[in-house]
Amino acid sequence: MRFETSVTLIRAQEPGVSESALTQNVSPMGTRVLVKSSMAPDQLLYLTSPTVGVRASVRVIYCQPLANGQFAVGLRVQGHPVNWTSFP
């Protein structure tokens, strides 16, 4: 489903390293986000979004460079599905 919201991605192996991202599409088991830096497939991240109330462990499935210098990153949720629409 097309759904745009701001999220923060925190690198599991480097908890002090985070990046802001914008979702493009979401599903209970994953999302596609836009970021400024490249990410490696299989990289484990923590995704948070206070606006939506989402906190989840996610794994990078793909990272595609875009013409504007950003990257489209496919993320798969690890564990319980995410309900992106259960926010106030």
Foldseek 3Di string as FASTA:
>chain_A
DADWDKKKKAFPVHRVDIFIWIWGDDDQFWTKIKTQDWDDFQGWIWIDDPQQGDTFIWTWHDWAQDPVNIIITIITTDDGGDDSPPGD
